[in-house]
């Protein structure tokens, strides 16, 4: 006569093993699909660093780019939300201009992450925050073999994964002597397939006009980071009409003393039916592009 308890145990054990095998197969199929999806998208994250700018970009081949880092150590908390805990390296850092609310957090990043390339437009060490930044850059160059590139001319970098990063021409070499730090901001355009993003630092409307003149084929983009945190000194009507963004993003702190973004800028966006998001209202803002469409996550 069949041993009933032993027989039942054998049946249950077999079913458990079969179920486990099915789960493993499903997991492998799904993880393969997830890897394929993750490898085919561009991620652009406007980090919530308060009154300041910081944008984290990850290309389909996992090249990581950080544009500015806000005013202080909050950048480390924000990077912890978009990077894995064991990921302690960033491929490229771009410092648009030497204002505290853009480079104040970079020393913390340089001290806590290994950086391959650091790009700025050649800052004069006339402010303590700039000296602190440059000291950390020098240490990174000496100890981690990082490259420090002073960038003053337009260029395009192709990452061989469908993403192109362009530095647009706004000012000529002679203009560098007569401008303030805001108007010296590096202007960055990122394109992936049919999707495009434009990051304008703190550039004023005067620089926006030069951008239009010098880059007529590159200025039309999908997502525009408004210059100078939505200040009325940037985002002119002509510029918005030329860029024709489908979405505008503003990086500003809650109840900041500068009253950014300015009501007149928001009114102009509304009048042109340009939807906008501000980190002061929404916190961290994440866009995902598959090269055809851009999704807000």
C-alpha atoms as a PDB file:
ATOM      1  CA  UNK A   1       0.000   0.000   0.000  1.00  0.00           C
ATOM      2  CA  UNK A   2       1.279   3.491  -0.903  1.00  0.00           C
ATOM      3  CA  UNK A   3       2.777   5.549   1.950  1.00  0.00           C
ATOM      4  CA  UNK A   4       0.303   8.452   1.890  1.00  0.00           C
ATOM      5  CA  UNK A   5       2.335  11.075   3.877  1.00  0.00           C
ATOM      6  CA  UNK A   6       5.477  10.381   1.882  1.00  0.00           C
ATOM      7  CA  UNK A   7       3.579  10.433  -1.403  1.00  0.00           C
ATOM      8  CA  UNK A   8       1.934  13.766  -0.556  1.00  0.00           C
ATOM      9  CA  UNK A   9       5.292  15.227   0.445  1.00  0.00           C
ATOM     10  CA  UNK A  10       6.786  14.117  -2.874  1.00  0.00           C
ATOM     11  CA  UNK A  11       3.926  15.694  -4.815  1.00  0.00           C
ATOM     12  CA  UNK A  12       4.132  18.977  -2.884  1.00  0.00           C
ATOM     13  CA  UNK A  13       7.927  19.105  -3.221  1.00  0.00           C
ATOM     14  CA  UNK A  14       7.694  18.514  -6.967  1.00  0.00           C
ATOM     15  CA  UNK A  15       5.119  21.268  -7.347  1.00  0.00           C
ATOM     16  CA  UNK A  16       7.256  23.689  -5.324  1.00  0.00           C
ATOM     17  CA  UNK A  17      10.311  22.924  -7.462  1.00  0.00           C
ATOM     18  CA  UNK A  18       8.274  23.282 -10.662  1.00  0.00           C
ATOM     19  CA  UNK A  19       6.851  26.612  -9.474  1.00  0.00           C
ATOM     20  CA  UNK A  20      10.329  27.842  -8.557  1.00  0.00           C
ATOM     21  CA  UNK A  21      11.637  26.887 -12.002  1.00  0.00           C
ATOM     22  CA  UNK A  22       8.779  28.760 -13.651  1.00  0.00           C
ATOM     23  CA  UNK A  23       9.522  31.845 -11.526  1.00  0.00           C
ATOM     24  CA  UNK A  24      13.204  31.725 -12.495  1.00  0.00           C
ATOM     25  CA  UNK A  25      12.349  31.472 -16.193  1.00  0.00           C
ATOM     26  CA  UNK A  26       9.847  34.344 -15.962  1.00  0.00           C
ATOM     27  CA  UNK A  27      12.334  36.464 -13.995  1.00  0.00           C
ATOM     28  CA  UNK A  28      15.060  35.878 -16.579  1.00  0.00           C
ATOM     29  CA  UNK A  29      12.761  36.802 -19.440  1.00  0.00           C
ATOM     30  CA  UNK A  30      11.475  39.911 -17.674  1.00  0.00           C
ATOM     31  CA  UNK A  31      14.910  41.026 -16.488  1.00  0.00           C
ATOM     32  CA  UNK A  32      16.228  40.653 -20.030  1.00  0.00           C
ATOM     33  CA  UNK A  33      13.400  42.841 -21.264  1.00  0.00           C
ATOM     34  CA  UNK A  34      14.014  45.376 -18.499  1.00  0.00           C
ATOM     35  CA  UNK A  35      17.710  45.549 -19.329  1.00  0.00           C
ATOM     36  CA  UNK A  36      16.871  46.114 -22.983  1.00  0.00           C
ATOM     37  CA  UNK A  37      14.459  48.906 -22.044  1.00  0.00           C
ATOM     38  CA  UNK A  38      16.902  50.575 -19.671  1.00  0.00           C
ATOM     39  CA  UNK A  39      19.654  50.421 -22.260  1.00  0.00           C
ATOM     40  CA  UNK A  40      17.526  52.195 -24.842  1.00  0.00           C
ATOM     41  CA  UNK A  41      16.452  55.272 -22.900  1.00  0.00           C
ATOM     42  CA  UNK A  42      17.895  58.637 -21.985  1.00  0.00           C
ATOM     43  CA  UNK A  43      17.191  59.822 -18.451  1.00  0.00           C
ATOM     44  CA  UNK A  44      17.237  63.527 -17.550  1.00  0.00           C
ATOM     45  CA  UNK A  45      16.592  64.456 -13.921  1.00  0.00           C
ATOM     46  CA  UNK A  46      16.252  67.996 -12.591  1.00  0.00           C
ATOM     47  CA  UNK A  47      17.428  67.473  -9.033  1.00  0.00           C
ATOM     48  CA  UNK A  48      15.744  69.204  -6.110  1.00  0.00           C
ATOM     49  CA  UNK A  49      18.650  71.199  -4.665  1.00  0.00           C
ATOM     50  CA  UNK A  50      16.655  74.191  -3.449  1.00  0.00           C
ATOM     51  CA  UNK A  51      17.571  77.597  -4.861  1.00  0.00           C
ATOM     52  CA  UNK A  52      20.049  76.458  -7.485  1.00  0.00           C
ATOM     53  CA  UNK A  53      20.566  74.253 -10.513  1.00  0.00           C
ATOM     54  CA  UNK A  54      21.569  70.628 -10.869  1.00  0.00           C
ATOM     55  CA  UNK A  55      20.729  68.202 -13.655  1.00  0.00           C
ATOM     56  CA  UNK A  56      21.658  64.517 -13.738  1.00  0.00           C
ATOM     57  CA  UNK A  57      21.754  62.823 -17.143  1.00  0.00           C
ATOM     58  CA  UNK A  58      22.246  59.140 -17.922  1.00  0.00           C
ATOM     59  CA  UNK A  59      22.585  58.000 -21.535  1.00  0.00           C
ATOM     60  CA  UNK A  60      21.455  54.609 -22.890  1.00  0.00           C
ATOM     61  CA  UNK A  61      25.015  53.280 -22.475  1.00  0.00           C
ATOM     62  CA  UNK A  62      25.016  54.473 -18.834  1.00  0.00           C
ATOM     63  CA  UNK A  63      27.297  57.470 -19.324  1.00  0.00           C
ATOM     64  CA  UNK A  64      26.489  59.763 -16.396  1.00  0.00           C
ATOM     65  CA  UNK A  65      26.653  63.548 -16.639  1.00  0.00           C
ATOM     66  CA  UNK A  66      26.083  66.117 -13.903  1.00  0.00           C
ATOM     67  CA  UNK A  67      25.405  69.727 -14.885  1.00  0.00           C
ATOM     68  CA  UNK A  68      25.982  71.952 -11.828  1.00  0.00           C
ATOM     69  CA  UNK A  69      25.342  70.843  -8.247  1.00  0.00           C
ATOM     70  CA  UNK A  70      23.340  73.489  -6.418  1.00  0.00           C
ATOM     71  CA  UNK A  71      24.631  75.473  -3.459  1.00  0.00           C
ATOM     72  CA  UNK A  72      25.615  72.838  -0.918  1.00  0.00           C
ATOM     73  CA  UNK A  73      25.660  69.276   0.327  1.00  0.00           C
ATOM     74  CA  UNK A  74      22.023  68.519  -0.563  1.00  0.00           C
ATOM     75  CA  UNK A  75      23.398  67.360  -3.898  1.00  0.00           C
ATOM     76  CA  UNK A  76      24.737  64.202  -2.226  1.00  0.00           C
ATOM     77  CA  UNK A  77      21.273  63.281  -0.979  1.00  0.00           C
ATOM     78  CA  UNK A  78      19.830  63.887  -4.439  1.00  0.00           C
ATOM     79  CA  UNK A  79      22.494  61.840  -6.214  1.00  0.00           C
ATOM     80  CA  UNK A  80      21.695  59.023  -3.810  1.00  0.00           C
ATOM     81  CA  UNK A  81      18.181  58.893  -5.258  1.00  0.00           C
ATOM     82  CA  UNK A  82      19.264  58.566  -8.902  1.00  0.00           C
ATOM     83  CA  UNK A  83      22.437  56.489  -8.545  1.00  0.00           C
ATOM     84  CA  UNK A  84      22.921  53.051  -7.029  1.00  0.00           C
ATOM     85  CA  UNK A  85      24.598  53.049  -3.581  1.00  0.00           C
ATOM     86  CA  UNK A  86      27.672  51.256  -4.896  1.00  0.00           C
ATOM     87  CA  UNK A  87      28.036  53.561  -7.901  1.00  0.00           C
ATOM     88  CA  UNK A  88      30.685  56.067  -6.817  1.00  0.00           C
ATOM     89  CA  UNK A  89      31.759  57.483 -10.182  1.00  0.00           C
ATOM     90  CA  UNK A  90      30.420  60.102 -12.576  1.00  0.00           C
ATOM     91  CA  UNK A  91      31.741  60.372 -16.113  1.00  0.00           C
ATOM     92  CA  UNK A  92      31.347  64.098 -16.763  1.00  0.00           C
ATOM     93  CA  UNK A  93      30.745  67.144 -14.583  1.00  0.00           C
ATOM     94  CA  UNK A  94      29.826  70.427 -16.275  1.00  0.00           C
ATOM     95  CA  UNK A  95      30.055  73.613 -14.199  1.00  0.00           C
ATOM     96  CA  UNK A  96      28.135  76.222 -16.171  1.00  0.00           C
ATOM     97  CA  UNK A  97      29.397  79.306 -14.312  1.00  0.00           C
ATOM     98  CA  UNK A  98      30.964  80.223 -10.950  1.00  0.00           C
ATOM     99  CA  UNK A  99      27.919  81.173  -8.869  1.00  0.00           C
ATOM    100  CA  UNK A 100      27.425  79.469  -5.514  1.00  0.00           C
ATOM    101  CA  UNK A 101      23.960  78.158  -6.377  1.00  0.00           C
ATOM    102  CA  UNK A 102      25.512  76.271  -9.293  1.00  0.00           C
ATOM    103  CA  UNK A 103      28.957  75.159  -8.104  1.00  0.00           C
ATOM    104  CA  UNK A 104      28.596  75.321  -4.315  1.00  0.00           C
ATOM    105  CA  UNK A 105      27.815  71.610  -4.139  1.00  0.00           C
ATOM    106  CA  UNK A 106      30.553  70.484  -6.535  1.00  0.00           C
ATOM    107  CA  UNK A 107      33.313  70.215  -3.886  1.00  0.00           C
ATOM    108  CA  UNK A 108      31.124  67.673  -2.048  1.00  0.00           C
ATOM    109  CA  UNK A 109      30.632  65.740  -5.277  1.00  0.00           C
ATOM    110  CA  UNK A 110      34.350  65.814  -6.069  1.00  0.00           C
ATOM    111  CA  UNK A 111      35.176  64.587  -2.569  1.00  0.00           C
ATOM    112  CA  UNK A 112      32.698  61.698  -2.669  1.00  0.00           C
ATOM    113  CA  UNK A 113      32.761  60.521  -6.288  1.00  0.00           C
ATOM    114  CA  UNK A 114      35.439  59.599  -8.793  1.00  0.00           C
ATOM    115  CA  UNK A 115      35.113  61.932 -11.768  1.00  0.00           C
ATOM    116  CA  UNK A 116      36.551  61.269 -15.226  1.00  0.00           C
ATOM    117  CA  UNK A 117      36.083  64.690 -16.844  1.00  0.00           C
ATOM    118  CA  UNK A 118      35.394  68.141 -15.377  1.00  0.00           C
ATOM    119  CA  UNK A 119      34.330  70.909 -17.764  1.00  0.00           C
ATOM    120  CA  UNK A 120      34.010  74.627 -17.067  1.00  0.00           C
ATOM    121  CA  UNK A 121      34.711  77.845 -18.963  1.00  0.00           C
ATOM    122  CA  UNK A 122      37.809  78.865 -17.022  1.00  0.00           C
ATOM    123  CA  UNK A 123      36.851  80.457 -13.712  1.00  0.00           C
ATOM    124  CA  UNK A 124      38.894  83.204 -12.077  1.00  0.00           C
ATOM    125  CA  UNK A 125      39.582  82.369  -8.430  1.00  0.00           C
ATOM    126  CA  UNK A 126      38.233  85.689  -7.176  1.00  0.00           C
ATOM    127  CA  UNK A 127      35.627  84.215  -4.823  1.00  0.00           C
ATOM    128  CA  UNK A 128      36.064  81.780  -1.953  1.00  0.00           C
ATOM    129  CA  UNK A 129      33.567  79.342  -3.438  1.00  0.00           C
ATOM    130  CA  UNK A 130      35.535  79.294  -6.695  1.00  0.00           C
ATOM    131  CA  UNK A 131      38.808  78.697  -4.842  1.00  0.00           C
ATOM    132  CA  UNK A 132      37.200  75.789  -2.993  1.00  0.00           C
ATOM    133  CA  UNK A 133      35.931  74.338  -6.266  1.00  0.00           C
ATOM    134  CA  UNK A 134      39.276  74.730  -8.062  1.00  0.00           C
ATOM    135  CA  UNK A 135      41.185  73.195  -5.143  1.00  0.00           C
ATOM    136  CA  UNK A 136      38.977  70.118  -5.304  1.00  0.00           C
ATOM    137  CA  UNK A 137      39.340  69.951  -9.081  1.00  0.00           C
ATOM    138  CA  UNK A 138      43.126  70.014  -8.699  1.00  0.00           C
ATOM    139  CA  UNK A 139      42.992  67.179  -6.161  1.00  0.00           C
ATOM    140  CA  UNK A 140      40.748  65.118  -8.448  1.00  0.00           C
ATOM    141  CA  UNK A 141      43.127  65.650 -11.366  1.00  0.00           C
ATOM    142  CA  UNK A 142      46.169  64.635  -9.326  1.00  0.00           C
ATOM    143  CA  UNK A 143      44.738  61.681  -7.397  1.00  0.00           C
ATOM    144  CA  UNK A 144      42.128  60.235  -9.785  1.00  0.00           C
ATOM    145  CA  UNK A 145      43.641  61.265 -13.153  1.00  0.00           C
ATOM    146  CA  UNK A 146      40.549  63.292 -13.993  1.00  0.00           C
ATOM    147  CA  UNK A 147      40.632  65.571 -17.029  1.00  0.00           C
ATOM    148  CA  UNK A 148      39.936  69.266 -16.458  1.00  0.00           C
ATOM    149  CA  UNK A 149      38.748  70.888 -19.677  1.00  0.00           C
ATOM    150  CA  UNK A 150      38.311  74.640 -20.062  1.00  0.00           C
ATOM    151  CA  UNK A 151      35.623  74.992 -22.690  1.00  0.00           C
ATOM    152  CA  UNK A 152      35.114  78.181 -24.678  1.00  0.00           C
ATOM    153  CA  UNK A 153      34.189  77.126 -28.211  1.00  0.00           C
ATOM    154  CA  UNK A 154      31.157  75.281 -29.606  1.00  0.00           C
ATOM    155  CA  UNK A 155      31.531  71.523 -29.916  1.00  0.00           C
ATOM    156  CA  UNK A 156      29.588  68.284 -30.244  1.00  0.00           C
ATOM    157  CA  UNK A 157      30.245  65.011 -28.420  1.00  0.00           C
ATOM    158  CA  UNK A 158      28.719  61.827 -29.841  1.00  0.00           C
ATOM    159  CA  UNK A 159      28.451  59.116 -27.179  1.00  0.00           C
ATOM    160  CA  UNK A 160      27.908  56.376 -29.806  1.00  0.00           C
ATOM    161  CA  UNK A 161      24.613  55.367 -28.197  1.00  0.00           C
ATOM    162  CA  UNK A 162      22.414  57.829 -30.061  1.00  0.00           C
ATOM    163  CA  UNK A 163      23.021  60.724 -27.670  1.00  0.00           C
ATOM    164  CA  UNK A 164      24.793  63.912 -28.704  1.00  0.00           C
ATOM    165  CA  UNK A 165      25.857  66.616 -26.253  1.00  0.00           C
ATOM    166  CA  UNK A 166      26.549  70.040 -27.746  1.00  0.00           C
ATOM    167  CA  UNK A 167      28.041  73.183 -26.278  1.00  0.00           C
ATOM    168  CA  UNK A 168      26.353  75.998 -28.180  1.00  0.00           C
ATOM    169  CA  UNK A 169      28.035  79.235 -29.165  1.00  0.00           C
ATOM    170  CA  UNK A 170      26.625  82.251 -27.389  1.00  0.00           C
ATOM    171  CA  UNK A 171      29.519  84.648 -26.832  1.00  0.00           C
ATOM    172  CA  UNK A 172      32.650  85.326 -28.815  1.00  0.00           C
ATOM    173  CA  UNK A 173      36.115  85.350 -27.271  1.00  0.00           C
ATOM    174  CA  UNK A 174      36.117  89.163 -27.064  1.00  0.00           C
ATOM    175  CA  UNK A 175      32.813  89.137 -25.204  1.00  0.00           C
ATOM    176  CA  UNK A 176      34.335  87.237 -22.284  1.00  0.00           C
ATOM    177  CA  UNK A 177      35.946  90.434 -21.005  1.00  0.00           C
ATOM    178  CA  UNK A 178      32.732  92.419 -20.709  1.00  0.00           C
ATOM    179  CA  UNK A 179      30.205  89.986 -19.313  1.00  0.00           C
ATOM    180  CA  UNK A 180      29.036  88.962 -15.871  1.00  0.00           C
ATOM    181  CA  UNK A 181      29.257  85.375 -14.702  1.00  0.00           C
ATOM    182  CA  UNK A 182      25.619  84.634 -15.569  1.00  0.00           C
ATOM    183  CA  UNK A 183      26.062  85.556 -19.218  1.00  0.00           C
ATOM    184  CA  UNK A 184      29.199  83.433 -19.361  1.00  0.00           C
ATOM    185  CA  UNK A 185      27.140  80.308 -18.627  1.00  0.00           C
ATOM    186  CA  UNK A 186      27.971  77.272 -20.713  1.00  0.00           C
ATOM    187  CA  UNK A 187      24.916  76.433 -22.825  1.00  0.00           C
ATOM    188  CA  UNK A 188      24.321  72.703 -23.232  1.00  0.00           C
ATOM    189  CA  UNK A 189      22.037  70.895 -25.675  1.00  0.00           C
ATOM    190  CA  UNK A 190      21.357  67.164 -25.406  1.00  0.00           C
ATOM    191  CA  UNK A 191      19.732  65.257 -28.251  1.00  0.00           C
ATOM    192  CA  UNK A 192      18.602  61.646 -28.432  1.00  0.00           C
ATOM    193  CA  UNK A 193      16.853  60.652 -31.632  1.00  0.00           C
ATOM    194  CA  UNK A 194      13.898  62.984 -32.030  1.00  0.00           C
ATOM    195  CA  UNK A 195      14.096  64.238 -28.425  1.00  0.00           C
ATOM    196  CA  UNK A 196      16.062  67.298 -27.331  1.00  0.00           C
ATOM    197  CA  UNK A 197      16.822  69.276 -24.169  1.00  0.00           C
ATOM    198  CA  UNK A 198      18.391  72.721 -23.699  1.00  0.00           C
ATOM    199  CA  UNK A 199      20.109  73.861 -20.488  1.00  0.00           C
ATOM    200  CA  UNK A 200      20.861  77.588 -20.368  1.00  0.00           C
ATOM    201  CA  UNK A 201      22.442  78.129 -16.952  1.00  0.00           C
ATOM    202  CA  UNK A 202      21.759  81.715 -15.854  1.00  0.00           C
ATOM    203  CA  UNK A 203      22.048  83.259 -19.319  1.00  0.00           C
ATOM    204  CA  UNK A 204      20.134  86.514 -19.786  1.00  0.00           C
ATOM    205  CA  UNK A 205      17.847  87.516 -22.651  1.00  0.00           C
ATOM    206  CA  UNK A 206      20.821  89.251 -24.320  1.00  0.00           C
ATOM    207  CA  UNK A 207      22.635  85.919 -24.519  1.00  0.00           C
ATOM    208  CA  UNK A 208      19.442  84.245 -25.688  1.00  0.00           C
ATOM    209  CA  UNK A 209      19.453  86.559 -28.709  1.00  0.00           C
ATOM    210  CA  UNK A 210      23.040  85.559 -29.467  1.00  0.00           C
ATOM    211  CA  UNK A 211      22.082  81.898 -29.137  1.00  0.00           C
ATOM    212  CA  UNK A 212      19.383  82.381 -31.739  1.00  0.00           C
ATOM    213  CA  UNK A 213      21.787  84.144 -34.117  1.00  0.00           C
ATOM    214  CA  UNK A 214      24.671  81.716 -33.704  1.00  0.00           C
ATOM    215  CA  UNK A 215      22.780  78.416 -33.548  1.00  0.00           C
ATOM    216  CA  UNK A 216      19.760  78.703 -35.866  1.00  0.00           C
ATOM    217  CA  UNK A 217      19.430  74.947 -36.462  1.00  0.00           C
ATOM    218  CA  UNK A 218      20.014  73.813 -32.874  1.00  0.00           C
ATOM    219  CA  UNK A 219      17.877  76.127 -30.791  1.00  0.00           C
ATOM    220  CA  UNK A 220      14.503  74.416 -31.366  1.00  0.00           C
ATOM    221  CA  UNK A 221      14.088  71.834 -28.567  1.00  0.00           C
ATOM    222  CA  UNK A 222      11.449  69.832 -26.722  1.00  0.00           C
ATOM    223  CA  UNK A 223      12.372  70.551 -23.096  1.00  0.00           C
ATOM    224  CA  UNK A 224      13.830  73.914 -22.074  1.00  0.00           C
ATOM    225  CA  UNK A 225      15.372  74.657 -18.709  1.00  0.00           C
ATOM    226  CA  UNK A 226      14.521  78.309 -18.241  1.00  0.00           C
ATOM    227  CA  UNK A 227      17.499  80.575 -17.652  1.00  0.00           C
ATOM    228  CA  UNK A 228      18.275  82.023 -14.218  1.00  0.00           C
ATOM    229  CA  UNK A 229      15.627  80.077 -12.295  1.00  0.00           C
ATOM    230  CA  UNK A 230      12.754  81.744 -14.128  1.00  0.00           C
ATOM    231  CA  UNK A 231      14.000  85.287 -13.542  1.00  0.00           C
ATOM    232  CA  UNK A 232      12.495  88.092 -15.630  1.00  0.00           C
ATOM    233  CA  UNK A 233      16.010  88.781 -16.989  1.00  0.00           C
ATOM    234  CA  UNK A 234      15.763  85.576 -19.054  1.00  0.00           C
ATOM    235  CA  UNK A 235      13.222  83.715 -21.195  1.00  0.00           C
ATOM    236  CA  UNK A 236      12.305  86.531 -23.565  1.00  0.00           C
ATOM    237  CA  UNK A 237       9.251  86.260 -25.792  1.00  0.00           C
ATOM    238  CA  UNK A 238      11.440  86.012 -28.902  1.00  0.00           C
ATOM    239  CA  UNK A 239      13.488  83.225 -27.351  1.00  0.00           C
ATOM    240  CA  UNK A 240      10.434  81.180 -26.369  1.00  0.00           C
ATOM    241  CA  UNK A 241       8.916  81.693 -29.822  1.00  0.00           C
ATOM    242  CA  UNK A 242      12.129  80.424 -31.419  1.00  0.00           C
ATOM    243  CA  UNK A 243      12.783  77.491 -29.104  1.00  0.00           C
ATOM    244  CA  UNK A 244       9.112  76.384 -29.166  1.00  0.00           C
ATOM    245  CA  UNK A 245       9.474  74.018 -26.198  1.00  0.00           C
ATOM    246  CA  UNK A 246       6.767  71.478 -25.444  1.00  0.00           C
ATOM    247  CA  UNK A 247       7.759  71.710 -21.771  1.00  0.00           C
ATOM    248  CA  UNK A 248       9.651  74.255 -19.659  1.00  0.00           C
ATOM    249  CA  UNK A 249      11.418  73.414 -16.409  1.00  0.00           C
ATOM    250  CA  UNK A 250      12.364  75.866 -13.671  1.00  0.00           C
ATOM    251  CA  UNK A 251      14.816  75.079 -10.895  1.00  0.00           C
ATOM    252  CA  UNK A 252      14.148  77.242  -7.836  1.00  0.00           C
ATOM    253  CA  UNK A 253      13.823  76.960  -4.077  1.00  0.00           C
ATOM    254  CA  UNK A 254      10.609  77.126  -2.082  1.00  0.00           C
ATOM    255  CA  UNK A 255       9.838  80.701  -0.933  1.00  0.00           C
ATOM    256  CA  UNK A 256      13.247  81.891  -2.126  1.00  0.00           C
ATOM    257  CA  UNK A 257      14.245  85.499  -1.438  1.00  0.00           C
ATOM    258  CA  UNK A 258      14.675  86.239  -5.168  1.00  0.00           C
ATOM    259  CA  UNK A 259      10.991  85.523  -5.868  1.00  0.00           C
ATOM    260  CA  UNK A 260      11.907  83.059  -8.608  1.00  0.00           C
ATOM    261  CA  UNK A 261      10.202  82.198 -10.849  1.00  0.00           C
ATOM    262  CA  UNK A 262       8.972  85.679 -11.710  1.00  0.00           C
ATOM    263  CA  UNK A 263       5.191  86.019 -12.231  1.00  0.00           C
ATOM    264  CA  UNK A 264       5.703  87.732 -15.608  1.00  0.00           C
ATOM    265  CA  UNK A 265       7.629  84.719 -16.899  1.00  0.00           C
ATOM    266  CA  UNK A 266       4.932  82.318 -15.736  1.00  0.00           C
ATOM    267  CA  UNK A 267       2.280  84.512 -17.361  1.00  0.00           C
ATOM    268  CA  UNK A 268       4.185  84.454 -20.638  1.00  0.00           C
ATOM    269  CA  UNK A 269       4.461  80.664 -20.538  1.00  0.00           C
ATOM    270  CA  UNK A 270       0.728  80.388 -19.922  1.00  0.00           C
ATOM    271  CA  UNK A 271      -0.082  82.815 -22.742  1.00  0.00           C
ATOM    272  CA  UNK A 272       1.951  80.667 -25.135  1.00  0.00           C
ATOM    273  CA  UNK A 273       0.407  77.430 -23.841  1.00  0.00           C
ATOM    274  CA  UNK A 274       3.798  76.130 -22.742  1.00  0.00           C
ATOM    275  CA  UNK A 275       3.352  73.787 -19.776  1.00  0.00           C
ATOM    276  CA  UNK A 276       5.956  74.173 -17.057  1.00  0.00           C
ATOM    277  CA  UNK A 277       7.202  72.449 -13.930  1.00  0.00           C
ATOM    278  CA  UNK A 278       9.201  73.973 -11.087  1.00  0.00           C
ATOM    279  CA  UNK A 279      11.255  72.077  -8.543  1.00  0.00           C
ATOM    280  CA  UNK A 280       9.883  74.415  -5.870  1.00  0.00           C
ATOM    281  CA  UNK A 281       6.439  72.890  -6.485  1.00  0.00           C
ATOM    282  CA  UNK A 282       7.178  69.384  -7.716  1.00  0.00           C
ATOM    283  CA  UNK A 283      10.559  68.524  -6.220  1.00  0.00           C
ATOM    284  CA  UNK A 284      12.746  66.275  -8.358  1.00  0.00           C
ATOM    285  CA  UNK A 285      11.588  66.172 -12.000  1.00  0.00           C
ATOM    286  CA  UNK A 286      12.448  63.169 -14.181  1.00  0.00           C
ATOM    287  CA  UNK A 287      12.140  62.783 -17.939  1.00  0.00           C
ATOM    288  CA  UNK A 288      12.665  59.543 -19.866  1.00  0.00           C
ATOM    289  CA  UNK A 289      13.152  59.488 -23.642  1.00  0.00           C
ATOM    290  CA  UNK A 290      13.143  56.465 -25.929  1.00  0.00           C
ATOM    291  CA  UNK A 291      14.457  58.589 -28.771  1.00  0.00           C
ATOM    292  CA  UNK A 292      10.995  59.231 -30.164  1.00  0.00           C
ATOM    293  CA  UNK A 293       8.884  60.427 -27.253  1.00  0.00           C
ATOM    294  CA  UNK A 294       9.624  62.059 -23.905  1.00  0.00           C
ATOM    295  CA  UNK A 295       7.812  60.798 -20.832  1.00  0.00           C
ATOM    296  CA  UNK A 296       7.468  62.536 -17.474  1.00  0.00           C
ATOM    297  CA  UNK A 297       8.031  60.022 -14.701  1.00  0.00           C
END
